[in-house]
Protein backbone atom coordinates (compact mmCIF):
# COMPACT_ATOMS: atom_id res chain seq x y z
CA MET A 1 -21.89 0.88 -31.71
CA ARG A 2 -21.59 1.30 -35.50
CA ILE A 3 -18.68 3.22 -37.01
CA SER A 4 -21.09 5.65 -38.70
CA ASN A 5 -22.65 6.49 -35.33
CA LEU A 6 -19.21 6.86 -33.78
CA ASN A 7 -18.20 9.39 -36.42
CA LEU A 8 -21.50 11.22 -35.97
CA PHE A 9 -21.07 11.49 -32.19
CA LEU A 10 -17.45 12.65 -32.55
CA LYS A 11 -18.41 15.32 -35.09
CA ASP A 12 -21.24 16.51 -32.84
CA ALA A 13 -18.88 16.67 -29.87
CA LEU A 14 -16.30 18.74 -31.80
CA LYS A 15 -19.04 21.02 -33.13
CA ASN A 16 -20.44 21.57 -29.64
CA LEU A 17 -16.98 22.31 -28.26
CA ARG A 18 -16.44 25.00 -30.90
CA ARG A 19 -19.94 26.39 -30.50
CA ASN A 20 -19.57 26.58 -26.71
CA SER A 21 -15.92 27.64 -26.79
CA THR A 22 -16.09 29.72 -23.60
CA SER A 23 -17.42 26.89 -21.44
CA SER A 24 -15.08 24.43 -23.21
CA ILE A 25 -12.01 26.53 -22.40
CA SER A 26 -13.25 26.92 -18.83
CA SER A 27 -13.64 23.14 -18.49
CA ILE A 28 -10.19 22.47 -19.98
CA THR A 29 -8.65 25.05 -17.64
CA THR A 30 -10.35 23.44 -14.63
CA VAL A 31 -9.08 19.99 -15.59
CA MET A 32 -5.60 21.38 -16.16
CA SER A 33 -5.55 23.21 -12.81
CA THR A 34 -6.85 20.30 -10.75
CA LEU A 35 -4.50 17.78 -12.40
CA PHE A 36 -1.60 20.22 -11.98
CA VAL A 37 -2.17 20.31 -8.21
CA LEU A 38 -2.61 16.53 -8.19
CA GLY A 39 0.59 16.07 -10.20
CA ILE A 40 2.73 18.30 -8.00
CA PHE A 41 1.40 16.49 -4.93
CA LEU A 42 2.17 13.11 -6.53
CA LEU A 43 5.73 14.19 -7.40
CA PHE A 44 6.19 15.39 -3.82
CA ILE A 45 5.15 11.99 -2.43
CA LEU A 46 7.32 10.08 -4.93
CA ASN A 47 10.33 12.28 -4.14
CA VAL A 48 9.80 11.76 -0.41
CA LYS A 49 9.78 8.01 -1.06
CA MET A 50 12.98 8.25 -3.10
CA GLY A 51 14.48 10.41 -0.38
CA ILE A 52 13.71 7.76 2.23
CA ILE A 53 15.43 5.11 0.11
CA GLY A 54 18.39 7.42 -0.49
CA ILE A 55 18.76 8.34 3.16
CA GLU A 56 18.44 4.75 4.35
CA THR A 57 21.10 3.58 1.91
CA GLN A 58 23.48 6.43 2.74
CA SER A 59 26.08 5.55 5.37
CA GLU A 60 28.87 7.84 6.48
CA ILE A 61 32.08 7.37 8.43
CA LYS A 62 33.95 10.20 10.12
CA ALA A 63 37.69 9.56 10.45
CA THR A 64 39.14 12.24 12.75
CA LEU A 65 42.87 12.92 12.32
CA LYS A 66 45.44 13.99 14.88
CA HIS A 67 46.25 17.72 15.01
CA ASP A 68 49.95 17.04 14.54
CA ILE A 69 49.53 14.49 11.74
CA LYS A 70 52.43 14.23 9.31
CA ILE A 71 51.85 15.03 5.66
CA THR A 72 53.04 11.56 4.64
CA ASP A 73 50.57 9.91 7.04
CA GLN A 74 47.71 12.06 5.74
CA GLN A 75 48.63 11.17 2.16
CA ASN A 76 48.69 7.50 3.10
CA ILE A 77 45.19 7.77 4.63
CA TYR A 78 43.95 9.59 1.53
CA ASN A 79 45.32 6.90 -0.80
CA LYS A 80 43.86 4.12 1.34
CA ILE A 81 40.37 5.64 1.33
CA LYS A 82 40.52 6.43 -2.38
CA GLY A 83 41.54 2.85 -3.18
CA GLU A 84 38.51 1.26 -1.50
CA ASP A 85 35.85 0.16 -4.03
CA SER A 86 33.00 0.43 -1.52
CA VAL A 87 33.67 4.16 -0.95
CA THR A 88 31.31 6.25 -3.07
CA PHE A 89 32.42 9.71 -1.99
CA PHE A 90 34.68 11.35 0.59
CA THR A 91 35.64 14.87 1.59
CA PHE A 92 38.29 16.45 3.81
CA HIS A 93 37.25 18.95 6.51
CA ASN A 94 39.79 21.15 8.27
CA GLU A 95 38.06 23.98 10.12
CA PRO A 96 39.80 25.39 13.23
CA PRO A 97 39.45 24.76 16.11
CA LEU A 98 37.98 21.38 15.09
CA SER A 99 40.26 18.49 14.32
CA PRO A 100 40.77 17.67 10.64
CA ALA A 101 38.64 14.76 9.44
CA TYR A 102 37.62 12.73 6.42
CA MET A 103 33.88 12.22 5.84
CA ILE A 104 33.48 8.94 3.97
CA LYS A 105 30.29 7.72 2.27
CA VAL A 106 29.97 4.03 1.41
CA ASN A 107 27.66 1.96 -0.80
CA ALA A 108 25.72 0.28 2.00
CA PRO A 109 25.73 -0.04 5.81
CA ASN A 110 27.28 -3.52 5.45
CA ASP A 111 30.44 -1.90 4.04
CA ILE A 112 31.07 0.15 7.19
CA PRO A 113 32.90 -2.56 9.22
CA LYS A 114 35.14 -3.32 6.26
CA ILE A 115 36.19 0.31 5.78
CA ILE A 116 36.75 0.82 9.50
CA SER A 117 38.96 -2.28 9.70
CA GLN A 118 41.02 -1.00 6.74
CA ILE A 119 41.72 2.49 8.12
CA LYS A 120 41.59 2.24 11.93
CA GLY A 121 45.18 1.05 12.23
CA LEU A 122 46.64 3.74 10.01
CA GLN A 123 49.13 6.17 11.50
CA GLY A 124 47.66 9.64 12.17
CA ILE A 125 44.03 8.66 12.79
CA ASN A 126 42.72 9.75 16.19
CA LYS A 127 39.23 8.18 16.19
CA ILE A 128 36.54 6.82 13.89
CA ASN A 129 32.79 7.45 14.22
CA VAL A 130 29.78 6.23 12.27
CA VAL A 131 27.30 9.04 11.53
CA GLN A 132 23.76 7.61 11.51
CA ASN A 133 21.57 9.44 14.08
CA VAL A 134 20.59 12.32 11.82
CA GLN A 135 19.79 9.91 9.00
CA ARG A 136 17.44 7.92 11.21
CA ASN A 137 15.63 11.08 12.32
CA VAL A 138 15.23 12.33 8.76
CA SER A 139 14.11 8.91 7.57
CA SER A 140 11.49 8.71 10.33
CA MET A 141 10.13 12.17 9.49
CA ALA A 142 10.05 11.36 5.75
CA SER A 143 8.15 8.13 6.45
CA LYS A 144 5.49 10.08 8.35
CA ILE A 145 5.18 12.58 5.47
CA GLN A 146 4.79 9.72 3.01
CA PHE A 147 2.09 8.10 5.18
CA ILE A 148 0.14 11.37 5.34
CA GLY A 149 0.54 11.74 1.58
CA VAL A 150 -0.89 8.28 0.89
CA ILE A 151 -3.99 9.26 2.91
CA LEU A 152 -4.36 12.70 1.30
CA PHE A 153 -3.87 11.59 -2.33
CA PRO A 154 -7.28 9.86 -2.75
CA ILE A 155 -8.93 12.78 -0.94
CA ILE A 156 -7.40 15.24 -3.41
CA LEU A 157 -8.42 12.94 -6.29
CA VAL A 158 -12.06 12.88 -5.12
CA ALA A 159 -12.02 16.66 -4.58
CA SER A 160 -10.67 17.07 -8.14
CA PHE A 161 -13.52 14.93 -9.47
CA PHE A 162 -16.21 17.04 -7.81
CA LEU A 163 -14.59 20.26 -8.99
CA ILE A 164 -14.48 18.95 -12.56
CA LYS A 165 -18.07 17.66 -12.26
CA ASN A 166 -19.33 21.08 -11.12
CA THR A 167 -17.58 22.73 -14.07
CA ILE A 168 -19.21 20.24 -16.45
CA LYS A 169 -22.58 20.97 -14.82
CA LEU A 170 -22.16 24.68 -15.51
CA ALA A 171 -21.21 23.91 -19.11
CA ILE A 172 -24.17 21.56 -19.77
CA TYR A 173 -26.85 23.51 -17.88
CA PRO A 174 -27.48 26.02 -20.72
CA ARG A 175 -28.00 23.04 -23.07
CA ARG A 176 -30.75 21.37 -21.04
CA ASN A 177 -33.37 22.58 -23.56
CA GLU A 178 -31.35 20.93 -26.31
CA ILE A 179 -31.51 17.63 -24.40
CA SER A 180 -35.28 17.97 -23.93
CA LEU A 181 -35.74 18.72 -27.64
CA MET A 182 -33.75 15.62 -28.65
CA GLN A 183 -35.92 13.51 -26.35
CA SER A 184 -39.13 14.97 -27.80
CA VAL A 185 -38.14 13.86 -31.33
CA GLY A 186 -37.52 10.29 -30.13
CA ALA A 187 -33.76 10.20 -29.45
CA THR A 188 -32.75 7.47 -27.01
CA ASP A 189 -30.97 8.30 -23.78
CA TRP A 190 -27.68 6.82 -25.01
CA PHE A 191 -27.94 8.64 -28.33
CA ILE A 192 -28.11 11.85 -26.28
CA ARG A 193 -25.35 10.79 -23.90
CA TRP A 194 -22.69 9.82 -26.42
CA PRO A 195 -21.85 13.33 -27.77
CA PHE A 196 -21.45 14.55 -24.20
CA ILE A 197 -19.26 11.54 -23.39
CA PHE A 198 -17.00 12.36 -26.34
CA GLU A 199 -16.92 16.00 -25.28
CA GLY A 200 -15.82 14.91 -21.79
CA MET A 201 -13.13 12.65 -23.25
CA ILE A 202 -11.75 15.41 -25.48
CA ILE A 203 -11.78 17.94 -22.64
CA GLY A 204 -10.11 15.36 -20.38
CA VAL A 205 -7.32 14.72 -22.90
CA LEU A 206 -6.70 18.42 -23.61
CA GLY A 207 -6.77 19.31 -19.90
CA ALA A 208 -4.47 16.42 -19.00
CA VAL A 209 -1.95 17.22 -21.74
CA SER A 210 -1.93 20.89 -20.71
CA SER A 211 -1.39 19.94 -17.06
CA VAL A 212 1.47 17.56 -17.95
CA ILE A 213 3.24 20.33 -19.91
CA ALA A 214 2.72 22.80 -17.02
CA ILE A 215 3.94 20.26 -14.45
CA TYR A 216 7.01 19.48 -16.57
CA LEU A 217 7.99 23.13 -16.97
CA PHE A 218 7.44 23.89 -13.27
CA TYR A 219 9.17 20.76 -11.95
CA SER A 220 12.08 21.06 -14.41
CA PHE A 221 12.81 24.52 -13.02
CA ILE A 222 12.69 23.26 -9.41
CA TYR A 223 14.80 20.21 -10.28
CA ARG A 224 17.45 22.14 -12.22
CA TYR A 225 17.98 24.94 -9.72
CA PHE A 226 17.28 23.28 -6.36
CA LEU A 227 17.03 19.47 -6.31
CA VAL A 228 19.90 18.43 -8.57
CA ALA A 229 22.44 20.15 -6.29
CA THR A 230 21.57 17.89 -3.32
CA LEU A 231 23.21 14.57 -2.49
CA ILE A 232 19.84 12.77 -2.44
CA SER A 233 18.40 11.43 -5.71
CA PHE A 234 15.04 12.82 -6.86
CA MET A 235 12.65 12.01 -9.69
CA HIS A 236 14.05 13.13 -13.05
CA PRO A 237 11.73 15.45 -15.03
CA SER A 238 11.62 12.90 -17.88
CA PHE A 239 9.43 10.73 -15.60
CA ILE A 240 6.60 13.22 -16.20
CA PHE A 241 6.47 12.53 -19.95
CA THR A 242 7.42 8.85 -19.93
CA THR A 243 5.12 7.65 -17.15
CA MET A 244 2.99 10.34 -15.51
CA SER A 245 1.57 11.70 -18.79
CA TRP A 246 -0.24 8.45 -19.65
CA ILE A 247 -1.61 8.10 -16.13
CA PHE A 248 -2.90 11.69 -16.15
CA ILE A 249 -4.48 11.37 -19.58
CA LEU A 250 -6.31 8.27 -18.31
CA ILE A 251 -7.36 10.11 -15.13
CA GLY A 252 -8.53 13.12 -17.15
CA ILE A 253 -10.60 10.98 -19.53
CA THR A 254 -12.09 8.94 -16.67
CA LEU A 255 -13.03 11.90 -14.46
CA ASP A 256 -14.56 13.91 -17.30
CA THR A 257 -16.42 10.95 -18.79
CA ILE A 258 -17.95 9.95 -15.46
CA GLY A 259 -18.73 13.58 -14.67
CA SER A 260 -20.47 14.06 -18.04
CA LEU A 261 -22.53 10.89 -17.57
CA LEU A 262 -23.69 11.91 -14.10
CA VAL A 263 -24.57 15.45 -15.11
CA VAL A 264 -26.43 14.49 -18.31
CA LYS A 265 -28.37 11.85 -16.41
CA LYS A 266 -30.00 14.57 -14.30
CA TYR A 267 -31.44 16.24 -17.39
CA LEU A 268 -32.80 13.07 -18.98
CA VAL A 269 -36.51 12.76 -18.34
CA ALA A 270 -37.55 9.16 -17.70
């Protein structure tokens, strides 16, 4: 394709978008809405995956103390736990009538035997338990959610394509006479297609960028006020701009371009 033709098609596409501003805004809104749903669903699946990794790597030891433990013995236990490099976090629980206990999180399950061997002989410790059952249950449930998500994602993607295609059909339908007129004066099929392809690409980019901004604002709010307070790591909102934005722009361009090609093809008389 020559550069002069490329400029001509781009100018025609921009002119048509301005001339049909109502249908253009409707198409951009549809792309934005469908990609917004797709993006939130994708973030959900990615966060479930990160949650599985976080849960599987979390290991916790419960060191129950004697009711009549001496203050010096408790201080000694505290210092011993604090001095272990493999301990990532620990808290002290003392809620009557339960026995006081230290909840100890370590880097990896392999560190558990080492920590137990270091503290089990200390004066004042009653018993030591490894807390893993709940983690296994949560991990199993999260794995099932992830599996369902992997199946649903392409279904949602295909549904998004057909929704965008129908919107494009509604936008191009009033211009079917224009297509027939261009054919009657000798325009080739591809000469007719290219302006619509550029229109689809522009709408795809604008819809994708709008959806990325909407996803970022929505997810940032959820992350700041709900997710960041948990012990499990979740996707940082910056991921939306650094990685997801380029993927969604590509998806938006691809879906709209293919949709435009398929719709215009129906109005081209062989």
